[in-house]
Amino acid sequence: MKKPTWMLVSLWVLQGPAALAEDPELKACQRLKNSMDSYETKRRSGGSAAQMDRWKRARQEKKDEYDQRRCRQYRGQLK
């Protein structure tokens, strides 16, 4: 007996994101992106010049690691 196409597609849709979430590289890239976004938000909210410089350097370090890990390939999957 042949399963309906919609059933197979729905199974793939449900399992697809779960399989991607288990990828350790994807998880590492997501953590880096979250960290970069956090520093960017902090800088936008303001602070002393020294604090802003520390946040800028910290964000740049995360960006360098993001580039080193080649996280650009996961851009479409990052939240």
N, C-alpha and C. Protein backbone atom coordinates (compact mmCIF):
# COMPACT_ATOMS: atom_id res chain seq x y z
N MET A 1 0.84 -1.18 0.00
CA MET A 1 0.00 0.00 0.00
C MET A 1 0.89 1.24 0.00
N LYS A 2 0.61 2.16 -0.90
CA LYS A 2 1.42 3.37 -1.05
C LYS A 2 0.91 4.48 -0.13
N LYS A 3 1.86 5.12 0.60
CA LYS A 3 1.47 6.22 1.48
C LYS A 3 1.22 7.48 0.65
N PRO A 4 0.29 8.29 1.07
CA PRO A 4 0.05 9.54 0.35
C PRO A 4 1.28 10.45 0.42
N THR A 5 1.47 11.20 -0.65
CA THR A 5 2.62 12.09 -0.74
C THR A 5 2.63 13.12 0.38
N TRP A 6 1.49 13.67 0.72
CA TRP A 6 1.43 14.69 1.77
C TRP A 6 1.92 14.15 3.09
N MET A 7 1.69 12.85 3.33
CA MET A 7 2.12 12.24 4.58
C MET A 7 3.65 12.16 4.63
N LEU A 8 4.26 11.79 3.53
CA LEU A 8 5.72 11.72 3.48
C LEU A 8 6.34 13.11 3.62
N VAL A 9 5.73 14.08 2.97
CA VAL A 9 6.24 15.45 3.06
C VAL A 9 6.12 15.96 4.48
N SER A 10 4.99 15.69 5.13
CA SER A 10 4.82 16.18 6.50
C SER A 10 5.81 15.52 7.44
N LEU A 11 6.14 14.25 7.23
CA LEU A 11 7.15 13.60 8.05
C LEU A 11 8.52 14.24 7.85
N TRP A 12 8.84 14.56 6.60
CA TRP A 12 10.13 15.19 6.32
C TRP A 12 10.20 16.57 6.97
N VAL A 13 9.10 17.33 6.88
CA VAL A 13 9.08 18.67 7.46
C VAL A 13 9.26 18.59 8.97
N LEU A 14 8.63 17.63 9.60
CA LEU A 14 8.74 17.50 11.06
C LEU A 14 10.12 17.02 11.49
N GLN A 15 10.74 16.17 10.72
CA GLN A 15 12.04 15.62 11.10
C GLN A 15 13.20 16.49 10.63
N GLY A 16 13.01 17.27 9.59
CA GLY A 16 14.09 18.09 9.04
C GLY A 16 14.72 19.03 10.05
N PRO A 17 13.95 19.93 10.68
CA PRO A 17 14.54 20.85 11.65
C PRO A 17 15.16 20.13 12.85
N ALA A 18 14.57 19.02 13.27
CA ALA A 18 15.12 18.29 14.40
C ALA A 18 16.49 17.73 14.06
N ALA A 19 16.64 17.25 12.86
CA ALA A 19 17.94 16.71 12.43
C ALA A 19 18.98 17.82 12.36
N LEU A 20 18.59 18.99 11.89
CA LEU A 20 19.52 20.12 11.81
C LEU A 20 19.90 20.61 13.20
N ALA A 21 18.97 20.57 14.14
CA ALA A 21 19.24 21.05 15.49
C ALA A 21 20.29 20.21 16.19
N GLU A 22 20.49 18.98 15.75
CA GLU A 22 21.46 18.10 16.38
C GLU A 22 22.87 18.30 15.81
N ASP A 23 23.02 19.08 14.77
CA ASP A 23 24.32 19.33 14.16
C ASP A 23 25.14 20.22 15.09
N PRO A 24 26.27 19.73 15.60
CA PRO A 24 27.07 20.52 16.56
C PRO A 24 27.63 21.80 15.95
N GLU A 25 27.96 21.79 14.68
CA GLU A 25 28.47 23.01 14.04
C GLU A 25 27.37 24.06 13.96
N LEU A 26 26.17 23.63 13.64
CA LEU A 26 25.05 24.56 13.57
C LEU A 26 24.77 25.16 14.95
N LYS A 27 24.84 24.33 15.98
CA LYS A 27 24.63 24.82 17.34
C LYS A 27 25.70 25.84 17.72
N ALA A 28 26.94 25.56 17.39
CA ALA A 28 28.04 26.48 17.71
C ALA A 28 27.85 27.80 16.97
N CYS A 29 27.45 27.73 15.72
CA CYS A 29 27.22 28.94 14.93
C CYS A 29 26.05 29.73 15.51
N GLN A 30 25.02 29.04 15.96
CA GLN A 30 23.87 29.74 16.55
C GLN A 30 24.29 30.45 17.83
N ARG A 31 25.11 29.79 18.65
CA ARG A 31 25.59 30.43 19.88
C ARG A 31 26.40 31.68 19.57
N LEU A 32 27.27 31.58 18.56
CA LEU A 32 28.08 32.73 18.17
C LEU A 32 27.20 33.88 17.67
N LYS A 33 26.22 33.55 16.86
CA LYS A 33 25.33 34.60 16.34
C LYS A 33 24.55 35.25 17.47
N ASN A 34 24.06 34.45 18.41
CA ASN A 34 23.33 35.00 19.55
C ASN A 34 24.23 35.94 20.36
N SER A 35 25.47 35.53 20.54
CA SER A 35 26.41 36.34 21.29
C SER A 35 26.69 37.66 20.57
N MET A 36 26.90 37.59 19.26
CA MET A 36 27.14 38.81 18.49
C MET A 36 25.93 39.74 18.56
N ASP A 37 24.74 39.18 18.45
CA ASP A 37 23.52 39.98 18.53
C ASP A 37 23.38 40.63 19.91
N SER A 38 23.77 39.89 20.94
CA SER A 38 23.69 40.42 22.30
C SER A 38 24.60 41.63 22.48
N TYR A 39 25.84 41.51 21.99
CA TYR A 39 26.76 42.64 22.09
C TYR A 39 26.27 43.83 21.27
N GLU A 40 25.70 43.56 20.14
CA GLU A 40 25.17 44.65 19.30
C GLU A 40 24.03 45.36 20.01
N THR A 41 23.15 44.61 20.66
CA THR A 41 22.04 45.20 21.40
C THR A 41 22.56 46.04 22.56
N LYS A 42 23.56 45.53 23.26
CA LYS A 42 24.14 46.29 24.37
C LYS A 42 24.73 47.60 23.88
N ARG A 43 25.44 47.56 22.77
CA ARG A 43 26.04 48.78 22.23
C ARG A 43 24.97 49.79 21.82
N ARG A 44 23.89 49.30 21.28
CA ARG A 44 22.82 50.22 20.86
C ARG A 44 22.13 50.86 22.05
N SER A 45 22.13 50.16 23.18
CA SER A 45 21.47 50.74 24.37
C SER A 45 22.35 51.78 25.04
N GLY A 46 23.62 51.83 24.69
CA GLY A 46 24.51 52.88 25.20
C GLY A 46 25.31 52.45 26.41
N GLY A 47 26.22 53.31 26.79
CA GLY A 47 27.08 53.06 27.93
C GLY A 47 28.29 53.97 27.85
N SER A 48 29.22 53.77 28.75
CA SER A 48 30.43 54.59 28.73
C SER A 48 31.27 54.23 27.51
N ALA A 49 32.18 55.11 27.16
CA ALA A 49 33.04 54.88 26.00
C ALA A 49 33.87 53.62 26.19
N ALA A 50 34.38 53.42 27.39
CA ALA A 50 35.20 52.24 27.67
C ALA A 50 34.37 50.96 27.52
N GLN A 51 33.15 50.98 28.04
CA GLN A 51 32.28 49.80 27.95
C GLN A 51 31.92 49.51 26.50
N MET A 52 31.63 50.57 25.75
CA MET A 52 31.29 50.39 24.33
C MET A 52 32.46 49.77 23.57
N ASP A 53 33.67 50.20 23.88
CA ASP A 53 34.86 49.63 23.23
C ASP A 53 35.03 48.16 23.59
N ARG A 54 34.80 47.81 24.86
CA ARG A 54 34.91 46.40 25.28
C ARG A 54 33.89 45.54 24.54
N TRP A 55 32.66 46.04 24.43
CA TRP A 55 31.62 45.29 23.72
C TRP A 55 31.96 45.16 22.24
N LYS A 56 32.51 46.21 21.68
CA LYS A 56 32.88 46.18 20.26
C LYS A 56 33.98 45.14 20.02
N ARG A 57 34.99 45.12 20.90
CA ARG A 57 36.07 44.13 20.77
C ARG A 57 35.55 42.71 20.97
N ALA A 58 34.68 42.53 21.97
CA ALA A 58 34.12 41.20 22.24
C ALA A 58 33.29 40.72 21.04
N ARG A 59 32.51 41.62 20.45
CA ARG A 59 31.72 41.25 19.28
C ARG A 59 32.62 40.89 18.11
N GLN A 60 33.71 41.63 17.94
CA GLN A 60 34.63 41.34 16.84
C GLN A 60 35.30 39.98 17.03
N GLU A 61 35.63 39.63 18.28
CA GLU A 61 36.20 38.30 18.55
C GLU A 61 35.22 37.20 18.17
N LYS A 62 33.96 37.40 18.52
CA LYS A 62 32.92 36.41 18.15
C LYS A 62 32.76 36.35 16.64
N LYS A 63 32.82 37.51 15.98
CA LYS A 63 32.69 37.56 14.52
C LYS A 63 33.85 36.83 13.86
N ASP A 64 35.06 37.01 14.40
CA ASP A 64 36.23 36.31 13.85
C ASP A 64 36.06 34.80 13.98
N GLU A 65 35.56 34.34 15.14
CA GLU A 65 35.32 32.91 15.33
C GLU A 65 34.22 32.42 14.39
N TYR A 66 33.18 33.23 14.22
CA TYR A 66 32.08 32.92 13.29
C TYR A 66 32.64 32.70 11.88
N ASP A 67 33.52 33.60 11.46
CA ASP A 67 34.14 33.47 10.13
C ASP A 67 35.07 32.27 10.05
N GLN A 68 35.83 32.03 11.12
CA GLN A 68 36.77 30.91 11.14
C GLN A 68 36.03 29.57 11.03
N ARG A 69 34.89 29.48 11.66
CA ARG A 69 34.10 28.24 11.62
C ARG A 69 33.29 28.11 10.33
N ARG A 70 33.36 29.12 9.48
CA ARG A 70 32.62 29.15 8.21
C ARG A 70 31.11 29.03 8.44
N CYS A 71 30.62 29.81 9.36
CA CYS A 71 29.20 29.76 9.71
C CYS A 71 28.31 30.38 8.65
N ARG A 72 28.89 31.07 7.69
CA ARG A 72 28.07 31.67 6.63
C ARG A 72 27.25 30.62 5.89
N GLN A 73 27.76 29.41 5.83
CA GLN A 73 27.02 28.37 5.12
C GLN A 73 25.71 28.02 5.83
N TYR A 74 25.58 28.40 7.11
CA TYR A 74 24.37 28.12 7.87
C TYR A 74 23.46 29.34 7.99
N ARG A 75 23.78 30.44 7.32
CA ARG A 75 23.03 31.69 7.48
C ARG A 75 21.53 31.51 7.38
N GLY A 76 21.08 30.73 6.43
CA GLY A 76 19.65 30.55 6.23
C GLY A 76 18.98 29.76 7.34
N GLN A 77 19.76 29.03 8.13
CA GLN A 77 19.20 28.19 9.18
C GLN A 77 19.30 28.83 10.56
N LEU A 78 20.06 29.92 10.67
CA LEU A 78 20.22 30.58 11.96
C LEU A 78 19.04 31.49 12.23
N LYS A 79 18.68 31.60 13.50
CA LYS A 79 17.52 32.42 13.88
C LYS A 79 17.98 33.79 14.28
